Amino acid sequence: MAARPDLVLPSLPNLRDVGGHPTADGRRVRTGLLFRSTDLSRLDAEGAAALERLGIRIVYDLRTEGERAGSPDRLPAGADLVVLDVLRDAAGMTPADMQRVLATPEAAEQALGGGRAASFFVDAYREFVELPSAREAYGRLFRELAEPRGRPALVHCTTGKDRTGWAAAALLTLLGVPDDAVMAEYLRSGPVMAGLFAPHVAAFAALGGDPELLRPLVEVRKEYLGAALEVVRGTYGTLERYVEDGLGVDAATRHALRQAFVEPG
């Protein structure tokens, strides 16, 4: 899907509507209810005004405490902030640690070389499904989106590609969007990330680092989203059961979500 002109905001990269996708039964996910983006720490007056026009009521921040402290959100007028720390229970390296790791090529090579960068993201996507904090975060997100007072909303992490990507993919799958369309929506973050991270990659290279080392960090890959889906299938059997048993979203709430987000036939 082409980007809506009114959603192209320099201070809020990777902003897009989660809706607009056809469902398997020939209907369509409603637009204007849920948006996704990078964090709002760089939001300028123009961007804030644009989000106000979208009617954003709640901003859901999926980041860790360290990420929020380093780059706090700038909220549009009238919007409430809800913190849903997906990786609070993570024992290993989190996105907040990346700035330290990438400070020198030597530290980056030690932490991420030899395929460890890609493995880090595969493991992170598994944790999006497995961690108690992740289940708590995504469960609350889905329950609140089912309520009229929770919409329109914006959900984000730091880059808007991973924790946010799983939120969008799980929701769209629950709403009946076919798997290939869900994957295509997930992969739409790729070109945006390439532009967003280009200065950081260049700076890393200028320090003597190998830009290829950073590629797994800035890309969205089918294997990443596939890792989360594999855990869903192995643990719950279906995404519907994951949402019910893993996230604690009951049948009535799932019905309310579908009623709100899917256009009638």
Protein backbone atom coordinates (compact mmCIF):
# COMPACT_ATOMS: atom_id res chain seq x y z
CA MET A 1 0.00 0.00 0.00
CA ALA A 2 1.24 3.48 -0.82
CA ALA A 3 1.83 5.85 2.10
CA ARG A 4 -0.91 8.38 2.74
CA PRO A 5 0.45 11.88 2.06
CA ASP A 6 -0.89 13.14 5.39
CA LEU A 7 1.17 10.51 7.22
CA VAL A 8 4.55 11.51 5.80
CA LEU A 9 6.08 13.39 8.74
CA PRO A 10 9.85 14.03 8.85
CA SER A 11 9.84 14.12 12.66
CA LEU A 12 7.96 10.80 12.95
CA PRO A 13 9.45 8.21 10.59
CA ASN A 14 7.75 4.89 9.88
CA LEU A 15 4.32 6.34 10.63
CA ARG A 16 1.50 4.46 8.96
CA ASP A 17 -2.06 3.28 9.43
CA VAL A 18 -2.34 -0.35 10.52
CA GLY A 19 -5.69 -0.61 8.71
CA GLY A 20 -6.64 -0.86 5.07
CA HIS A 21 -5.79 -4.55 4.55
CA PRO A 22 -8.30 -7.00 3.02
CA THR A 23 -9.32 -9.93 5.19
CA ALA A 24 -9.60 -13.51 4.00
CA ASP A 25 -13.41 -13.29 3.94
CA GLY A 26 -13.43 -10.32 1.57
CA ARG A 27 -13.86 -7.51 4.07
CA ARG A 28 -11.29 -4.87 5.06
CA VAL A 29 -9.59 -3.64 8.22
CA ARG A 30 -10.82 -0.16 9.05
CA THR A 31 -8.43 2.76 8.78
CA GLY A 32 -8.08 5.65 11.20
CA LEU A 33 -8.17 3.51 14.37
CA LEU A 34 -4.57 2.44 14.97
CA PHE A 35 -1.31 3.91 13.77
CA ARG A 36 2.30 2.77 14.22
CA SER A 37 5.57 4.70 14.21
CA THR A 38 8.99 5.25 15.72
CA ASP A 39 9.18 6.86 19.16
CA LEU A 40 7.87 10.40 19.52
CA SER A 41 11.00 11.93 21.04
CA ARG A 42 11.69 13.98 17.89
CA LEU A 43 8.09 15.00 17.25
CA ASP A 44 7.95 18.65 16.17
CA ALA A 45 5.02 21.09 16.14
CA GLU A 46 3.98 20.05 12.64
CA GLY A 47 4.01 16.39 13.60
CA ALA A 48 2.10 17.02 16.81
CA ALA A 49 -0.56 18.94 14.90
CA ALA A 50 -0.85 16.10 12.38
CA LEU A 51 -1.40 13.55 15.17
CA GLU A 52 -4.00 15.83 16.71
CA ARG A 53 -5.85 15.88 13.37
CA LEU A 54 -5.79 12.08 13.41
CA GLY A 55 -7.58 12.27 16.76
CA ILE A 56 -4.97 10.23 18.65
CA ARG A 57 -6.29 9.57 22.14
CA ILE A 58 -3.67 7.18 23.48
CA VAL A 59 -0.01 6.63 22.68
CA TYR A 60 1.18 3.15 23.61
CA ASP A 61 4.93 3.10 24.30
CA LEU A 62 6.41 -0.42 24.13
CA ARG A 63 9.96 0.62 25.08
CA THR A 64 12.10 -0.21 28.07
CA GLU A 65 12.67 2.17 30.96
CA GLY A 66 16.15 3.01 29.65
CA GLU A 67 14.85 3.86 26.20
CA ARG A 68 12.10 6.06 27.61
CA ALA A 69 14.49 7.91 29.91
CA GLY A 70 16.93 8.60 27.08
CA SER A 71 14.31 9.68 24.53
CA PRO A 72 11.02 10.61 26.20
CA ASP A 73 7.93 10.94 24.01
CA ARG A 74 6.56 14.33 23.02
CA LEU A 75 2.81 13.81 23.05
CA PRO A 76 0.28 15.58 20.86
CA ALA A 77 -2.31 17.66 22.71
CA GLY A 78 -5.14 15.59 24.13
CA ALA A 79 -3.28 12.25 24.03
CA ASP A 80 -2.58 10.09 27.07
CA LEU A 81 0.55 7.95 27.40
CA VAL A 82 0.36 4.28 28.32
CA VAL A 83 3.67 2.50 28.98
CA LEU A 84 3.73 -1.18 28.04
CA ASP A 85 7.30 -2.39 28.59
CA VAL A 86 7.45 -5.51 26.41
CA LEU A 87 11.03 -6.43 27.34
CA ARG A 88 10.94 -5.60 31.05
CA ASP A 89 11.57 -9.25 31.95
CA ALA A 90 14.33 -9.82 29.38
CA ALA A 91 17.51 -11.16 30.94
CA GLY A 92 19.92 -10.47 28.08
CA MET A 93 20.79 -7.47 25.96
CA THR A 94 17.87 -5.20 25.09
CA PRO A 95 17.54 -2.42 22.48
CA ALA A 96 18.49 0.11 25.13
CA ASP A 97 21.92 -1.54 25.33
CA MET A 98 22.62 -1.13 21.63
CA GLN A 99 23.93 2.43 21.86
CA ARG A 100 26.62 1.26 24.27
CA VAL A 101 27.47 -1.76 22.14
CA LEU A 102 27.79 0.31 18.98
CA ALA A 103 29.99 2.97 20.58
CA THR A 104 33.11 1.32 19.18
CA PRO A 105 33.64 -1.17 16.35
CA GLU A 106 35.52 -3.44 18.74
CA ALA A 107 32.60 -3.67 21.19
CA ALA A 108 30.16 -4.16 18.33
CA GLU A 109 32.22 -6.97 16.82
CA GLN A 110 32.50 -8.71 20.17
CA ALA A 111 28.76 -8.51 20.87
CA LEU A 112 27.31 -8.89 17.39
CA GLY A 113 29.89 -10.53 15.13
CA GLY A 114 29.77 -14.10 13.89
CA GLY A 115 26.04 -14.02 13.20
CA ARG A 116 25.16 -12.97 16.74
CA ALA A 117 23.32 -9.84 15.54
CA ALA A 118 20.76 -11.84 13.57
CA SER A 119 20.48 -14.37 16.38
CA PHE A 120 19.78 -11.52 18.81
CA PHE A 121 16.74 -10.47 16.81
CA VAL A 122 15.47 -14.01 16.31
CA ASP A 123 15.66 -14.51 20.07
CA ALA A 124 14.01 -11.15 20.71
CA TYR A 125 11.03 -12.05 18.54
CA ARG A 126 10.65 -15.30 20.43
CA GLU A 127 10.62 -13.29 23.63
CA PHE A 128 7.82 -11.11 22.27
CA VAL A 129 5.69 -14.24 22.62
CA GLU A 130 7.27 -15.91 25.64
CA LEU A 131 8.15 -13.21 28.20
CA PRO A 132 5.57 -12.55 30.94
CA SER A 133 6.12 -8.82 30.46
CA ALA A 134 5.45 -9.16 26.73
CA ARG A 135 2.26 -11.13 27.27
CA GLU A 136 1.14 -8.56 29.81
CA ALA A 137 1.93 -5.67 27.46
CA TYR A 138 0.31 -7.06 24.32
CA GLY A 139 -2.66 -8.36 26.28
CA ARG A 140 -3.39 -4.93 27.71
CA LEU A 141 -2.89 -3.34 24.30
CA PHE A 142 -5.46 -5.62 22.67
CA ARG A 143 -7.97 -5.27 25.51
CA GLU A 144 -7.79 -1.48 25.45
CA LEU A 145 -8.01 -1.29 21.65
CA ALA A 146 -11.29 -3.19 21.93
CA GLU A 147 -12.77 -0.29 23.89
CA PRO A 148 -14.04 2.85 22.09
CA ARG A 149 -12.18 5.13 24.52
CA GLY A 150 -8.92 3.48 23.44
CA ARG A 151 -9.18 4.58 19.81
CA PRO A 152 -7.75 6.16 17.73
CA ALA A 153 -4.38 5.14 19.10
CA LEU A 154 -0.73 5.08 18.13
CA VAL A 155 1.62 2.27 19.11
CA HIS A 156 5.40 2.53 18.92
CA CYS A 157 8.73 1.26 20.19
CA THR A 158 12.04 2.92 19.24
CA THR A 159 12.22 2.21 15.51
CA GLY A 160 8.65 0.98 15.08
CA LYS A 161 9.81 -2.20 13.36
CA ASP A 162 10.17 -4.98 15.95
CA ARG A 163 8.01 -4.79 19.09
CA THR A 164 5.58 -2.63 17.15
CA GLY A 165 5.89 -4.95 14.17
CA TRP A 166 4.78 -7.91 16.27
CA ALA A 167 1.86 -5.94 17.72
CA ALA A 168 0.62 -5.10 14.22
CA ALA A 169 1.23 -8.58 12.83
CA ALA A 170 -0.56 -10.33 15.70
CA LEU A 171 -3.53 -7.96 15.52
CA LEU A 172 -3.90 -8.20 11.74
CA THR A 173 -3.70 -12.00 11.89
CA LEU A 174 -6.36 -12.04 14.61
CA LEU A 175 -8.57 -9.84 12.40
CA GLY A 176 -8.34 -12.34 9.55
CA VAL A 177 -5.74 -10.74 7.27
CA PRO A 178 -3.96 -13.46 5.26
CA ASP A 179 -0.43 -14.41 6.27
CA ASP A 180 1.22 -13.11 3.11
CA ALA A 181 -0.40 -9.69 3.54
CA VAL A 182 0.64 -9.59 7.19
CA MET A 183 4.22 -10.34 6.21
CA ALA A 184 4.13 -7.70 3.47
CA GLU A 185 2.93 -5.11 5.97
CA TYR A 186 5.73 -6.09 8.35
CA LEU A 187 8.38 -5.78 5.64
CA ARG A 188 7.22 -2.26 4.71
CA SER A 189 9.46 -0.92 7.48
CA GLY A 190 12.57 -2.03 5.60
CA PRO A 191 13.08 0.92 3.22
CA VAL A 192 12.24 3.38 5.98
CA MET A 193 14.84 1.83 8.27
CA ALA A 194 17.50 1.97 5.55
CA GLY A 195 17.09 5.74 5.33
CA LEU A 196 16.68 6.27 9.05
CA PHE A 197 19.85 4.39 9.96
CA ALA A 198 22.02 5.53 7.05
CA PRO A 199 23.77 8.30 9.06
CA HIS A 200 24.47 5.88 11.94
CA VAL A 201 25.88 3.27 9.59
CA ALA A 202 28.07 5.90 7.95
CA ALA A 203 29.33 7.10 11.32
CA PHE A 204 30.08 3.52 12.36
CA ALA A 205 32.01 2.96 9.14
CA ALA A 206 33.95 6.17 9.70
CA LEU A 207 35.14 4.74 13.02
CA GLY A 208 36.49 1.73 11.15
CA GLY A 209 33.52 -0.57 11.71
CA ASP A 210 32.15 -2.99 9.14
CA PRO A 211 28.73 -1.71 7.94
CA GLU A 212 27.68 -5.29 7.20
CA LEU A 213 27.78 -5.98 10.92
CA LEU A 214 24.87 -3.58 11.41
CA ARG A 215 22.70 -4.91 8.59
CA PRO A 216 20.77 -7.40 10.77
CA LEU A 217 20.00 -4.58 13.21
CA VAL A 218 18.46 -2.19 10.73
CA GLU A 219 16.59 -4.64 8.55
CA VAL A 220 13.25 -6.38 8.92
CA ARG A 221 13.53 -10.01 7.89
CA LYS A 222 11.02 -12.75 7.32
CA GLU A 223 13.00 -14.96 9.68
CA TYR A 224 12.45 -12.51 12.54
CA LEU A 225 8.67 -12.44 12.33
CA GLY A 226 8.76 -16.14 11.50
CA ALA A 227 10.51 -16.85 14.81
CA ALA A 228 7.62 -15.33 16.77
CA LEU A 229 5.05 -17.21 14.70
CA GLU A 230 6.95 -20.45 15.23
CA VAL A 231 6.73 -20.02 19.01
CA VAL A 232 3.00 -19.26 18.73
CA ARG A 233 2.41 -22.45 16.76
CA GLY A 234 4.62 -24.57 19.00
CA THR A 235 3.19 -23.30 22.28
CA TYR A 236 -0.42 -22.45 21.50
CA GLY A 237 -1.19 -24.08 18.16
CA THR A 238 -2.87 -21.02 16.65
CA LEU A 239 -2.65 -17.27 17.02
CA GLU A 240 -6.23 -17.25 18.29
CA ARG A 241 -5.22 -19.49 21.20
CA TYR A 242 -2.12 -17.35 21.82
CA VAL A 243 -4.30 -14.26 22.14
CA GLU A 244 -6.74 -16.08 24.43
CA ASP A 245 -4.42 -18.17 26.59
CA GLY A 246 -1.16 -16.23 26.32
CA LEU A 247 -2.48 -12.68 26.36
CA GLY A 248 -5.62 -13.28 28.39
CA VAL A 249 -7.93 -11.68 25.82
CA ASP A 250 -11.28 -13.44 26.16
CA ALA A 251 -13.77 -14.29 23.42
CA ALA A 252 -15.98 -11.27 24.10
CA THR A 253 -13.02 -8.91 23.80
CA ARG A 254 -11.81 -10.57 20.60
CA HIS A 255 -15.31 -10.19 19.18
CA ALA A 256 -15.30 -6.51 20.15
CA LEU A 257 -11.92 -6.05 18.44
CA ARG A 258 -13.24 -7.56 15.22
CA GLN A 259 -16.42 -5.53 15.38
CA ALA A 260 -14.41 -2.34 15.82
CA PHE A 261 -11.61 -2.99 13.34
CA VAL A 262 -13.21 -4.93 10.49
CA GLU A 263 -15.71 -3.38 8.12
CA PRO A 264 -19.02 -5.24 7.86
CA GLY A 265 -19.50 -7.51 4.88
